Amino acid sequence: MSFVFLWRRIHPGRNPLARITDRIEAAIIVGGVLAALLGVPLAAAAGSEAYATMMARSVFEAATRHSTDAVLLEDAPPSRIGVNGTPSTETARVPARWELSDGAVREGLATADLGASAGDRVTVWLDESDAVVAAPVMPLDAAGTGVGVGVGVWLIAVTLLVSGYLVALRLLNRVRLAAWDREWERLGSDSTPS
């Protein structure tokens, strides 16, 4: 598509052949593009809010969680080899033993890579009550969440705008076809002999 075609599509100007439906379609296109551009700051704000929320969670979890080494008591299930020959990055929950900060020993399930052997060391994250918890959210995870939310919100908005345009285009084409039918009927009735 050339720039001239696009320009004529959105700006029929004083062309006497331009129908009102062409001008409505042009207005819808221009409005949709402007709405998509105005949606960028809104999407950025949503992404910033998600980033700030995840960073607050990261700071809280980093302050309330600590890691310790655990020794696996059993072998993890065997690792799987992918179709391309690389080992799987899957994990499994395996019985393990670790020492708490007060010197007490506790046993429970720890996350280990597939193929890990009994006696291997893995990291276990504990909260303030020494219960096993997930690793704290990292700042990089917060940044990824913020970018993902921002881009996702904008893409959803653009998808809705494009969908609205396609619905409007379908309705405008129906109006155009009905106008053509009326013109053909009028032309046919004008040309019939009396």
C-alpha atoms as a PDB file:
ATOM      1  CA  MET A   1       0.000   0.000   0.000  1.00  0.00           C
ATOM      2  CA  SER A   2       1.337   3.385  -0.887  1.00  0.00           C
ATOM      3  CA  PHE A   3       1.267   6.462   1.266  1.00  0.00           C
ATOM      4  CA  VAL A   4      -0.949   8.238  -1.283  1.00  0.00           C
ATOM      5  CA  PHE A   5      -3.590   5.491  -1.038  1.00  0.00           C
ATOM      6  CA  LEU A   6      -3.559   5.661   2.766  1.00  0.00           C
ATOM      7  CA  TRP A   7      -3.764   9.454   2.700  1.00  0.00           C
ATOM      8  CA  ARG A   8      -6.737   9.380   0.346  1.00  0.00           C
ATOM      9  CA  ARG A   9      -8.358   6.731   2.518  1.00  0.00           C
ATOM     10  CA  ILE A  10      -8.276   8.927   5.620  1.00  0.00           C
ATOM     11  CA  HIS A  11      -8.621  12.289   3.860  1.00  0.00           C
ATOM     12  CA  PRO A  12     -11.159  12.273   1.029  1.00  0.00           C
ATOM     13  CA  GLY A  13     -10.879  16.073   0.843  1.00  0.00           C
ATOM     14  CA  ARG A  14     -13.186  17.838  -1.608  1.00  0.00           C
ATOM     15  CA  ASN A  15     -13.448  14.855  -3.903  1.00  0.00           C
ATOM     16  CA  PRO A  16     -17.011  14.929  -5.285  1.00  0.00           C
ATOM     17  CA  LEU A  17     -17.005  11.128  -5.480  1.00  0.00           C
ATOM     18  CA  ALA A  18     -16.358  10.770  -1.752  1.00  0.00           C
ATOM     19  CA  ARG A  19     -19.486   9.548  -0.019  1.00  0.00           C
ATOM     20  CA  ILE A  20     -20.547  10.427   3.499  1.00  0.00           C
ATOM     21  CA  THR A  21     -19.672   6.846   4.478  1.00  0.00           C
ATOM     22  CA  ASP A  22     -16.118   7.446   3.195  1.00  0.00           C
ATOM     23  CA  ARG A  23     -15.839  10.512   5.411  1.00  0.00           C
ATOM     24  CA  ILE A  24     -17.237   8.588   8.401  1.00  0.00           C
ATOM     25  CA  GLU A  25     -14.727   5.799   7.807  1.00  0.00           C
ATOM     26  CA  ALA A  26     -11.897   8.331   7.610  1.00  0.00           C
ATOM     27  CA  ALA A  27     -13.030   9.886  10.891  1.00  0.00           C
ATOM     28  CA  ILE A  28     -13.130   6.450  12.536  1.00  0.00           C
ATOM     29  CA  ILE A  29      -9.592   5.667  11.339  1.00  0.00           C
ATOM     30  CA  VAL A  30      -8.195   8.999  12.531  1.00  0.00           C
ATOM     31  CA  GLY A  31     -10.037   8.678  15.857  1.00  0.00           C
ATOM     32  CA  GLY A  32      -8.761   5.128  16.322  1.00  0.00           C
ATOM     33  CA  VAL A  33      -5.148   6.108  15.641  1.00  0.00           C
ATOM     34  CA  LEU A  34      -5.427   9.055  18.042  1.00  0.00           C
ATOM     35  CA  ALA A  35      -7.009   6.819  20.693  1.00  0.00           C
ATOM     36  CA  ALA A  36      -4.193   4.273  20.255  1.00  0.00           C
ATOM     37  CA  LEU A  37      -1.592   7.022  20.653  1.00  0.00           C
ATOM     38  CA  LEU A  38      -3.358   8.451  23.688  1.00  0.00           C
ATOM     39  CA  GLY A  39      -3.485   4.928  25.105  1.00  0.00           C
ATOM     40  CA  VAL A  40       0.320   4.765  25.305  1.00  0.00           C
ATOM     41  CA  PRO A  41       0.582   6.975  28.424  1.00  0.00           C
ATOM     42  CA  LEU A  42      -2.316   5.115  30.044  1.00  0.00           C
ATOM     43  CA  ALA A  43      -0.652   1.774  29.341  1.00  0.00           C
ATOM     44  CA  ALA A  44       2.638   3.157  30.681  1.00  0.00           C
ATOM     45  CA  ALA A  45       0.851   4.263  33.852  1.00  0.00           C
ATOM     46  CA  ALA A  46      -0.633   0.780  34.302  1.00  0.00           C
ATOM     47  CA  GLY A  47       2.814  -0.754  33.762  1.00  0.00           C
ATOM     48  CA  SER A  48       4.377   1.664  36.258  1.00  0.00           C
ATOM     49  CA  GLU A  49       1.739   0.799  38.841  1.00  0.00           C
ATOM     50  CA  ALA A  50       2.351  -2.926  38.354  1.00  0.00           C
ATOM     51  CA  TYR A  51       6.111  -2.353  38.623  1.00  0.00           C
ATOM     52  CA  ALA A  52       5.718  -0.325  41.833  1.00  0.00           C
ATOM     53  CA  THR A  53       3.474  -3.001  43.351  1.00  0.00           C
ATOM     54  CA  MET A  54       5.923  -5.778  42.482  1.00  0.00           C
ATOM     55  CA  MET A  55       8.900  -3.753  43.756  1.00  0.00           C
ATOM     56  CA  ALA A  56       7.122  -3.177  47.080  1.00  0.00           C
ATOM     57  CA  ARG A  57       6.482  -6.924  47.251  1.00  0.00           C
ATOM     58  CA  SER A  58      10.132  -7.591  46.379  1.00  0.00           C
ATOM     59  CA  VAL A  59      11.373  -5.298  49.147  1.00  0.00           C
ATOM     60  CA  PHE A  60       8.967  -6.834  51.676  1.00  0.00           C
ATOM     61  CA  GLU A  61       9.837 -10.414  50.739  1.00  0.00           C
ATOM     62  CA  ALA A  62      13.583  -9.704  50.719  1.00  0.00           C
ATOM     63  CA  ALA A  63      13.249  -8.322  54.258  1.00  0.00           C
ATOM     64  CA  THR A  64      11.108 -11.181  55.602  1.00  0.00           C
ATOM     65  CA  ARG A  65      12.649 -14.212  53.877  1.00  0.00           C
ATOM     66  CA  HIS A  66      16.018 -15.842  54.150  1.00  0.00           C
ATOM     67  CA  SER A  67      17.663 -18.748  52.420  1.00  0.00           C
ATOM     68  CA  THR A  68      19.408 -21.790  53.816  1.00  0.00           C
ATOM     69  CA  ASP A  69      21.060 -24.835  52.299  1.00  0.00           C
ATOM     70  CA  ALA A  70      19.179 -28.111  52.400  1.00  0.00           C
ATOM     71  CA  VAL A  71      20.509 -31.607  51.771  1.00  0.00           C
ATOM     72  CA  LEU A  72      18.348 -33.884  49.627  1.00  0.00           C
ATOM     73  CA  LEU A  73      17.340 -37.100  51.385  1.00  0.00           C
ATOM     74  CA  GLU A  74      16.190 -38.874  48.206  1.00  0.00           C
ATOM     75  CA  ASP A  75      16.979 -38.757  44.520  1.00  0.00           C
ATOM     76  CA  ALA A  76      14.849 -36.466  42.389  1.00  0.00           C
ATOM     77  CA  PRO A  77      13.077 -38.070  39.424  1.00  0.00           C
ATOM     78  CA  PRO A  78      15.401 -38.587  36.456  1.00  0.00           C
ATOM     79  CA  SER A  79      15.934 -35.652  34.146  1.00  0.00           C
ATOM     80  CA  ARG A  80      14.313 -35.621  30.752  1.00  0.00           C
ATOM     81  CA  ILE A  81      16.038 -34.860  27.508  1.00  0.00           C
ATOM     82  CA  GLY A  82      14.197 -32.530  25.144  1.00  0.00           C
ATOM     83  CA  VAL A  83      13.638 -33.147  21.453  1.00  0.00           C
ATOM     84  CA  ASN A  84      16.638 -30.965  20.597  1.00  0.00           C
ATOM     85  CA  GLY A  85      18.898 -32.980  22.937  1.00  0.00           C
ATOM     86  CA  THR A  86      19.090 -30.475  25.793  1.00  0.00           C
ATOM     87  CA  PRO A  87      18.220 -31.511  29.338  1.00  0.00           C
ATOM     88  CA  SER A  88      14.920 -30.356  30.785  1.00  0.00           C
ATOM     89  CA  THR A  89      14.855 -27.448  33.235  1.00  0.00           C
ATOM     90  CA  GLU A  90      11.938 -28.944  35.180  1.00  0.00           C
ATOM     91  CA  THR A  91      12.001 -29.278  38.952  1.00  0.00           C
ATOM     92  CA  ALA A  92      10.440 -31.624  41.481  1.00  0.00           C
ATOM     93  CA  ARG A  93       9.630 -31.521  45.186  1.00  0.00           C
ATOM     94  CA  VAL A  94      12.009 -33.860  47.023  1.00  0.00           C
ATOM     95  CA  PRO A  95      12.396 -34.680  50.746  1.00  0.00           C
ATOM     96  CA  ALA A  96      15.277 -32.689  52.251  1.00  0.00           C
ATOM     97  CA  ARG A  97      16.805 -31.683  55.604  1.00  0.00           C
ATOM     98  CA  TRP A  98      18.012 -28.219  56.590  1.00  0.00           C
ATOM     99  CA  GLU A  99      19.183 -26.417  59.695  1.00  0.00           C
ATOM    100  CA  LEU A 100      17.290 -23.436  61.073  1.00  0.00           C
ATOM    101  CA  SER A 101      18.917 -20.280  62.408  1.00  0.00           C
ATOM    102  CA  ASP A 102      18.443 -21.497  66.028  1.00  0.00           C
ATOM    103  CA  GLY A 103      20.286 -24.745  65.269  1.00  0.00           C
ATOM    104  CA  ALA A 104      17.200 -26.954  65.054  1.00  0.00           C
ATOM    105  CA  VAL A 105      16.990 -29.399  62.155  1.00  0.00           C
ATOM    106  CA  ARG A 106      13.869 -29.654  60.054  1.00  0.00           C
ATOM    107  CA  GLU A 107      12.798 -31.974  57.262  1.00  0.00           C
ATOM    108  CA  GLY A 108      10.366 -31.228  54.477  1.00  0.00           C
ATOM    109  CA  LEU A 109      10.017 -30.930  50.746  1.00  0.00           C
ATOM    110  CA  ALA A 110      12.466 -28.809  48.789  1.00  0.00           C
ATOM    111  CA  THR A 111      12.536 -27.903  45.132  1.00  0.00           C
ATOM    112  CA  ALA A 112      15.309 -29.637  43.194  1.00  0.00           C
ATOM    113  CA  ASP A 113      16.206 -30.016  39.529  1.00  0.00           C
ATOM    114  CA  LEU A 114      15.235 -33.284  37.910  1.00  0.00           C
ATOM    115  CA  GLY A 115      18.145 -35.702  38.116  1.00  0.00           C
ATOM    116  CA  ALA A 116      19.474 -34.355  41.442  1.00  0.00           C
ATOM    117  CA  SER A 117      20.868 -37.038  43.755  1.00  0.00           C
ATOM    118  CA  ALA A 118      20.467 -37.677  47.460  1.00  0.00           C
ATOM    119  CA  GLY A 119      23.114 -35.660  49.294  1.00  0.00           C
ATOM    120  CA  ASP A 120      23.046 -32.763  46.818  1.00  0.00           C
ATOM    121  CA  ARG A 121      22.586 -29.298  48.274  1.00  0.00           C
ATOM    122  CA  VAL A 122      19.701 -27.036  47.237  1.00  0.00           C
ATOM    123  CA  THR A 123      18.512 -23.645  48.443  1.00  0.00           C
ATOM    124  CA  VAL A 124      15.382 -23.442  50.597  1.00  0.00           C
ATOM    125  CA  TRP A 125      13.679 -20.137  51.343  1.00  0.00           C
ATOM    126  CA  LEU A 126      12.113 -19.648  54.768  1.00  0.00           C
ATOM    127  CA  ASP A 127       9.871 -16.942  56.180  1.00  0.00           C
ATOM    128  CA  GLU A 128      10.127 -15.409  59.655  1.00  0.00           C
ATOM    129  CA  SER A 129       8.382 -18.423  61.211  1.00  0.00           C
ATOM    130  CA  ASP A 130      10.817 -20.801  59.402  1.00  0.00           C
ATOM    131  CA  ALA A 131       8.100 -22.140  57.087  1.00  0.00           C
ATOM    132  CA  VAL A 132       9.193 -22.999  53.546  1.00  0.00           C
ATOM    133  CA  VAL A 133       8.134 -20.303  51.070  1.00  0.00           C
ATOM    134  CA  ALA A 134       8.873 -19.362  47.479  1.00  0.00           C
ATOM    135  CA  ALA A 135      11.951 -17.306  46.681  1.00  0.00           C
ATOM    136  CA  PRO A 136      11.379 -13.562  46.995  1.00  0.00           C
ATOM    137  CA  VAL A 137      10.359 -11.606  43.932  1.00  0.00           C
ATOM    138  CA  MET A 138      13.454 -10.151  42.314  1.00  0.00           C
ATOM    139  CA  PRO A 139      13.638  -6.576  40.958  1.00  0.00           C
ATOM    140  CA  LEU A 140      14.096  -7.983  37.447  1.00  0.00           C
ATOM    141  CA  ASP A 141      10.797  -9.871  37.855  1.00  0.00           C
ATOM    142  CA  ALA A 142       9.134  -6.590  38.876  1.00  0.00           C
ATOM    143  CA  ALA A 143      10.509  -4.851  35.782  1.00  0.00           C
ATOM    144  CA  GLY A 144       9.312  -7.681  33.550  1.00  0.00           C
ATOM    145  CA  THR A 145       5.858  -7.541  35.117  1.00  0.00           C
ATOM    146  CA  GLY A 146       5.664  -3.775  34.612  1.00  0.00           C
ATOM    147  CA  VAL A 147       6.658  -4.004  30.958  1.00  0.00           C
ATOM    148  CA  GLY A 148       4.326  -6.948  30.394  1.00  0.00           C
ATOM    149  CA  VAL A 149       1.345  -5.176  31.944  1.00  0.00           C
ATOM    150  CA  GLY A 150       2.013  -1.961  30.028  1.00  0.00           C
ATOM    151  CA  VAL A 151       2.395  -3.691  26.677  1.00  0.00           C
ATOM    152  CA  GLY A 152      -0.546  -5.996  27.410  1.00  0.00           C
ATOM    153  CA  VAL A 153      -2.895  -3.131  28.289  1.00  0.00           C
ATOM    154  CA  TRP A 154      -1.919  -1.249  25.127  1.00  0.00           C
ATOM    155  CA  LEU A 155      -2.325  -4.334  22.932  1.00  0.00           C
ATOM    156  CA  ILE A 156      -5.765  -5.038  24.397  1.00  0.00           C
ATOM    157  CA  ALA A 157      -6.783  -1.430  23.735  1.00  0.00           C
ATOM    158  CA  VAL A 158      -5.499  -1.580  20.148  1.00  0.00           C
ATOM    159  CA  THR A 159      -7.259  -4.911  19.607  1.00  0.00           C
ATOM    160  CA  LEU A 160     -10.535  -3.397  20.806  1.00  0.00           C
ATOM    161  CA  LEU A 161     -10.028  -0.353  18.566  1.00  0.00           C
ATOM    162  CA  VAL A 162      -9.290  -2.519  15.521  1.00  0.00           C
ATOM    163  CA  SER A 163     -12.294  -4.719  16.303  1.00  0.00           C
ATOM    164  CA  GLY A 164     -14.488  -1.628  16.581  1.00  0.00           C
ATOM    165  CA  TYR A 165     -13.156  -0.365  13.257  1.00  0.00           C
ATOM    166  CA  LEU A 166     -13.873  -3.695  11.562  1.00  0.00           C
ATOM    167  CA  VAL A 167     -17.432  -3.732  12.899  1.00  0.00           C
ATOM    168  CA  ALA A 168     -17.948  -0.141  11.761  1.00  0.00           C
ATOM    169  CA  LEU A 169     -16.449  -0.960   8.350  1.00  0.00           C
ATOM    170  CA  ARG A 170     -18.837  -3.870   7.952  1.00  0.00           C
ATOM    171  CA  LEU A 171     -21.808  -1.638   8.785  1.00  0.00           C
ATOM    172  CA  LEU A 172     -20.565   1.097   6.446  1.00  0.00           C
ATOM    173  CA  ASN A 173     -20.132  -1.444   3.644  1.00  0.00           C
ATOM    174  CA  ARG A 174     -23.734  -2.566   4.145  1.00  0.00           C
ATOM    175  CA  VAL A 175     -24.866   1.046   3.838  1.00  0.00           C
ATOM    176  CA  ARG A 176     -22.716   1.451   0.705  1.00  0.00           C
ATOM    177  CA  LEU A 177     -24.119  -1.693  -0.894  1.00  0.00           C
ATOM    178  CA  ALA A 178     -27.681  -0.626  -0.087  1.00  0.00           C
ATOM    179  CA  ALA A 179     -26.979   2.746  -1.737  1.00  0.00           C
ATOM    180  CA  TRP A 180     -25.608   0.949  -4.808  1.00  0.00           C
ATOM    181  CA  ASP A 181     -28.709  -1.242  -4.959  1.00  0.00           C
ATOM    182  CA  ARG A 182     -30.958   1.822  -4.776  1.00  0.00           C
ATOM    183  CA  GLU A 183     -28.959   3.512  -7.545  1.00  0.00           C
ATOM    184  CA  TRP A 184     -29.197   0.442  -9.770  1.00  0.00           C
ATOM    185  CA  GLU A 185     -32.941   0.214  -9.160  1.00  0.00           C
ATOM    186  CA  ARG A 186     -33.348   3.919  -9.953  1.00  0.00           C
ATOM    187  CA  LEU A 187     -31.210   3.582 -13.061  1.00  0.00           C
ATOM    188  CA  GLY A 188     -33.203   0.523 -14.115  1.00  0.00           C
ATOM    189  CA  SER A 189     -36.550   2.264 -13.615  1.00  0.00           C
ATOM    190  CA  ASP A 190     -35.354   5.358 -15.514  1.00  0.00           C
ATOM    191  CA  SER A 191     -34.247   3.327 -18.517  1.00  0.00           C
ATOM    192  CA  THR A 192     -37.344   1.090 -18.891  1.00  0.00           C
ATOM    193  CA  PRO A 193     -39.466   2.019 -21.909  1.00  0.00           C
ATOM    194  CA  SER A 194     -42.920   3.381 -21.160  1.00  0.00           C
END
